[in-house]
Amino acid sequence: MLATGEEPSRFRWYMEMLKDDITPSVGFGIGVQRQAMFVCGFEAV
């Protein structure tokens, strides 16, 4: 934030939300359903 000139206090609510309310994840967001649609040739999964 400091590198881009943003004021950290403006985003304090967001940082608190990340720290307290969101469960950790492994970042598995490759779109498994979208990939299955592509591989199987389906229009919807």
PDB file of N, CA and C in Angstrom:
ATOM      1  N   MET A   1       0.816  -1.187   0.000  1.00  0.00           N
ATOM      2  CA  MET A   1       0.000   0.000   0.000  1.00  0.00           C
ATOM      3  C   MET A   1       0.859   1.248   0.000  1.00  0.00           C
ATOM      4  N   LEU A   2       1.893   1.210   0.799  1.00  0.00           N
ATOM      5  CA  LEU A   2       2.746   2.392   0.876  1.00  0.00           C
ATOM      6  C   LEU A   2       3.472   2.630  -0.449  1.00  0.00           C
ATOM      7  N   ALA A   3       3.834   1.556  -1.135  1.00  0.00           N
ATOM      8  CA  ALA A   3       4.549   1.692  -2.403  1.00  0.00           C
ATOM      9  C   ALA A   3       3.693   2.365  -3.463  1.00  0.00           C
ATOM     10  N   THR A   4       2.376   2.189  -3.376  1.00  0.00           N
ATOM     11  CA  THR A   4       1.480   2.799  -4.365  1.00  0.00           C
ATOM     12  C   THR A   4       0.896   4.118  -3.892  1.00  0.00           C
ATOM     13  N   GLY A   5       1.284   4.550  -2.687  1.00  0.00           N
ATOM     14  CA  GLY A   5       0.818   5.834  -2.182  1.00  0.00           C
ATOM     15  C   GLY A   5      -0.538   5.786  -1.504  1.00  0.00           C
ATOM     16  N   GLU A   6      -1.027   4.591  -1.207  1.00  0.00           N
ATOM     17  CA  GLU A   6      -2.318   4.459  -0.524  1.00  0.00           C
ATOM     18  C   GLU A   6      -2.140   4.665   0.975  1.00  0.00           C
ATOM     19  N   GLU A   7      -3.176   5.129   1.601  1.00  0.00           N
ATOM     20  CA  GLU A   7      -3.179   5.338   3.047  1.00  0.00           C
ATOM     21  C   GLU A   7      -3.686   4.063   3.721  1.00  0.00           C
ATOM     22  N   PRO A   8      -2.828   3.361   4.474  1.00  0.00           N
ATOM     23  CA  PRO A   8      -3.228   2.093   5.094  1.00  0.00           C
ATOM     24  C   PRO A   8      -4.454   2.201   5.992  1.00  0.00           C
ATOM     25  N   SER A   9      -4.663   3.332   6.640  1.00  0.00           N
ATOM     26  CA  SER A   9      -5.808   3.457   7.548  1.00  0.00           C
ATOM     27  C   SER A   9      -7.137   3.370   6.786  1.00  0.00           C
ATOM     28  N   ARG A  10      -7.156   3.685   5.507  1.00  0.00           N
ATOM     29  CA  ARG A  10      -8.382   3.579   4.719  1.00  0.00           C
ATOM     30  C   ARG A  10      -8.802   2.119   4.539  1.00  0.00           C
ATOM     31  N   PHE A  11      -7.848   1.213   4.629  1.00  0.00           N
ATOM     32  CA  PHE A  11      -8.117  -0.201   4.376  1.00  0.00           C
ATOM     33  C   PHE A  11      -8.049  -1.049   5.643  1.00  0.00           C
ATOM     34  N   ARG A  12      -8.064  -0.396   6.781  1.00  0.00           N
ATOM     35  CA  ARG A  12      -7.972  -1.128   8.053  1.00  0.00           C
ATOM     36  C   ARG A  12      -9.118  -2.133   8.206  1.00  0.00           C
ATOM     37  N   TRP A  13     -10.330  -1.746   7.799  1.00  0.00           N
ATOM     38  CA  TRP A  13     -11.486  -2.636   7.905  1.00  0.00           C
ATOM     39  C   TRP A  13     -11.274  -3.900   7.086  1.00  0.00           C
ATOM     40  N   TYR A  14     -10.652  -3.749   5.931  1.00  0.00           N
ATOM     41  CA  TYR A  14     -10.406  -4.905   5.065  1.00  0.00           C
ATOM     42  C   TYR A  14      -9.350  -5.826   5.670  1.00  0.00           C
ATOM     43  N   MET A  15      -8.298  -5.241   6.204  1.00  0.00           N
ATOM     44  CA  MET A  15      -7.244  -6.040   6.822  1.00  0.00           C
ATOM     45  C   MET A  15      -7.769  -6.780   8.046  1.00  0.00           C
ATOM     46  N   GLU A  16      -8.629  -6.137   8.837  1.00  0.00           N
ATOM     47  CA  GLU A  16      -9.236  -6.795   9.992  1.00  0.00           C
ATOM     48  C   GLU A  16     -10.138  -7.948   9.552  1.00  0.00           C
ATOM     49  N   MET A  17     -10.887  -7.735   8.470  1.00  0.00           N
ATOM     50  CA  MET A  17     -11.760  -8.781   7.959  1.00  0.00           C
ATOM     51  C   MET A  17     -10.938  -9.989   7.521  1.00  0.00           C
ATOM     52  N   LEU A  18      -9.841  -9.750   6.832  1.00  0.00           N
ATOM     53  CA  LEU A  18      -8.990 -10.853   6.391  1.00  0.00           C
ATOM     54  C   LEU A  18      -8.398 -11.607   7.575  1.00  0.00           C
ATOM     55  N   LYS A  19      -8.019 -10.870   8.586  1.00  0.00           N
ATOM     56  CA  LYS A  19      -7.393 -11.487   9.756  1.00  0.00           C
ATOM     57  C   LYS A  19      -8.394 -12.294  10.582  1.00  0.00           C
ATOM     58  N   ASP A  20      -9.616 -11.801  10.721  1.00  0.00           N
ATOM     59  CA  ASP A  20     -10.565 -12.394  11.656  1.00  0.00           C
ATOM     60  C   ASP A  20     -11.648 -13.262  11.022  1.00  0.00           C
ATOM     61  N   ASP A  21     -12.140 -12.891   9.863  1.00  0.00           N
ATOM     62  CA  ASP A  21     -13.374 -13.491   9.377  1.00  0.00           C
ATOM     63  C   ASP A  21     -13.231 -14.498   8.243  1.00  0.00           C
ATOM     64  N   ILE A  22     -12.157 -14.477   7.512  1.00  0.00           N
ATOM     65  CA  ILE A  22     -12.035 -15.366   6.361  1.00  0.00           C
ATOM     66  C   ILE A  22     -11.160 -16.550   6.724  1.00  0.00           C
ATOM     67  N   THR A  23     -11.659 -17.736   6.450  1.00  0.00           N
ATOM     68  CA  THR A  23     -10.883 -18.929   6.745  1.00  0.00           C
ATOM     69  C   THR A  23      -9.754 -19.083   5.735  1.00  0.00           C
ATOM     70  N   PRO A  24      -8.651 -19.649   6.151  1.00  0.00           N
ATOM     71  CA  PRO A  24      -7.532 -19.848   5.230  1.00  0.00           C
ATOM     72  C   PRO A  24      -7.908 -20.805   4.099  1.00  0.00           C
ATOM     73  N   SER A  25      -7.325 -20.588   2.957  1.00  0.00           N
ATOM     74  CA  SER A  25      -7.561 -21.496   1.837  1.00  0.00           C
ATOM     75  C   SER A  25      -6.239 -21.790   1.151  1.00  0.00           C
ATOM     76  N   VAL A  26      -6.255 -22.778   0.289  1.00  0.00           N
ATOM     77  CA  VAL A  26      -5.038 -23.133  -0.426  1.00  0.00           C
ATOM     78  C   VAL A  26      -4.953 -22.424  -1.764  1.00  0.00           C
ATOM     79  N   GLY A  27      -5.956 -21.624  -2.096  1.00  0.00           N
ATOM     80  CA  GLY A  27      -5.919 -20.877  -3.339  1.00  0.00           C
ATOM     81  C   GLY A  27      -6.241 -21.713  -4.554  1.00  0.00           C
ATOM     82  N   PHE A  28      -7.035 -22.759  -4.387  1.00  0.00           N
ATOM     83  CA  PHE A  28      -7.377 -23.650  -5.496  1.00  0.00           C
ATOM     84  C   PHE A  28      -8.532 -23.040  -6.266  1.00  0.00           C
ATOM     85  N   GLY A  29      -8.235 -22.125  -7.162  1.00  0.00           N
ATOM     86  CA  GLY A  29      -9.277 -21.426  -7.890  1.00  0.00           C
ATOM     87  C   GLY A  29      -9.079 -21.493  -9.386  1.00  0.00           C
ATOM     88  N   ILE A  30      -8.827 -22.676  -9.920  1.00  0.00           N
ATOM     89  CA  ILE A  30      -8.559 -22.774 -11.358  1.00  0.00           C
ATOM     90  C   ILE A  30      -9.822 -22.966 -12.168  1.00  0.00           C
ATOM     91  N   GLY A  31     -10.966 -23.005 -11.507  1.00  0.00           N
ATOM     92  CA  GLY A  31     -12.217 -23.170 -12.230  1.00  0.00           C
ATOM     93  C   GLY A  31     -12.435 -24.610 -12.652  1.00  0.00           C
ATOM     94  N   VAL A  32     -12.520 -25.493 -11.687  1.00  0.00           N
ATOM     95  CA  VAL A  32     -12.661 -26.916 -11.972  1.00  0.00           C
ATOM     96  C   VAL A  32     -13.910 -27.181 -12.801  1.00  0.00           C
ATOM     97  N   GLN A  33     -15.006 -26.509 -12.484  1.00  0.00           N
ATOM     98  CA  GLN A  33     -16.236 -26.720 -13.251  1.00  0.00           C
ATOM     99  C   GLN A  33     -16.059 -26.250 -14.688  1.00  0.00           C
ATOM    100  N   ARG A  34     -15.423 -25.120 -14.866  1.00  0.00           N
ATOM    101  CA  ARG A  34     -15.195 -24.607 -16.215  1.00  0.00           C
ATOM    102  C   ARG A  34     -14.279 -25.534 -17.005  1.00  0.00           C
ATOM    103  N   GLN A  35     -13.266 -26.064 -16.335  1.00  0.00           N
ATOM    104  CA  GLN A  35     -12.351 -26.984 -16.993  1.00  0.00           C
ATOM    105  C   GLN A  35     -13.062 -28.286 -17.359  1.00  0.00           C
ATOM    106  N   ALA A  36     -13.936 -28.770 -16.481  1.00  0.00           N
ATOM    107  CA  ALA A  36     -14.695 -29.991 -16.772  1.00  0.00           C
ATOM    108  C   ALA A  36     -15.622 -29.773 -17.962  1.00  0.00           C
ATOM    109  N   MET A  37     -16.236 -28.605 -18.053  1.00  0.00           N
ATOM    110  CA  MET A  37     -17.095 -28.286 -19.202  1.00  0.00           C
ATOM    111  C   MET A  37     -16.279 -28.342 -20.493  1.00  0.00           C
ATOM    112  N   PHE A  38     -15.090 -27.800 -20.469  1.00  0.00           N
ATOM    113  CA  PHE A  38     -14.233 -27.773 -21.644  1.00  0.00           C
ATOM    114  C   PHE A  38     -13.814 -29.180 -22.046  1.00  0.00           C
ATOM    115  N   VAL A  39     -13.343 -29.951 -21.083  1.00  0.00           N
ATOM    116  CA  VAL A  39     -12.830 -31.293 -21.354  1.00  0.00           C
ATOM    117  C   VAL A  39     -13.944 -32.222 -21.846  1.00  0.00           C
ATOM    118  N   CYS A  40     -15.116 -32.140 -21.223  1.00  0.00           N
ATOM    119  CA  CYS A  40     -16.219 -33.034 -21.559  1.00  0.00           C
ATOM    120  C   CYS A  40     -17.074 -32.534 -22.714  1.00  0.00           C
ATOM    121  N   GLY A  41     -16.890 -31.279 -23.090  1.00  0.00           N
ATOM    122  CA  GLY A  41     -17.677 -30.715 -24.179  1.00  0.00           C
ATOM    123  C   GLY A  41     -19.090 -30.357 -23.783  1.00  0.00           C
ATOM    124  N   PHE A  42     -19.328 -30.163 -22.481  1.00  0.00           N
ATOM    125  CA  PHE A  42     -20.650 -29.808 -21.998  1.00  0.00           C
ATOM    126  C   PHE A  42     -20.862 -28.301 -22.073  1.00  0.00           C
ATOM    127  N   GLU A  43     -22.106 -27.881 -22.176  1.00  0.00           N
ATOM    128  CA  GLU A  43     -22.416 -26.459 -22.137  1.00  0.00           C
ATOM    129  C   GLU A  43     -22.611 -25.976 -20.711  1.00  0.00           C
ATOM    130  N   ALA A  44     -22.958 -26.873 -19.811  1.00  0.00           N
ATOM    131  CA  ALA A  44     -23.134 -26.529 -18.401  1.00  0.00           C
ATOM    132  C   ALA A  44     -22.813 -27.745 -17.552  1.00  0.00           C
ATOM    133  N   VAL A  45     -22.321 -27.484 -16.354  1.00  0.00           N
ATOM    134  CA  VAL A  45     -22.011 -28.567 -15.413  1.00  0.00           C
ATOM    135  C   VAL A  45     -22.925 -28.401 -14.218  1.00  0.00           C
TER     136      VAL A  45
END
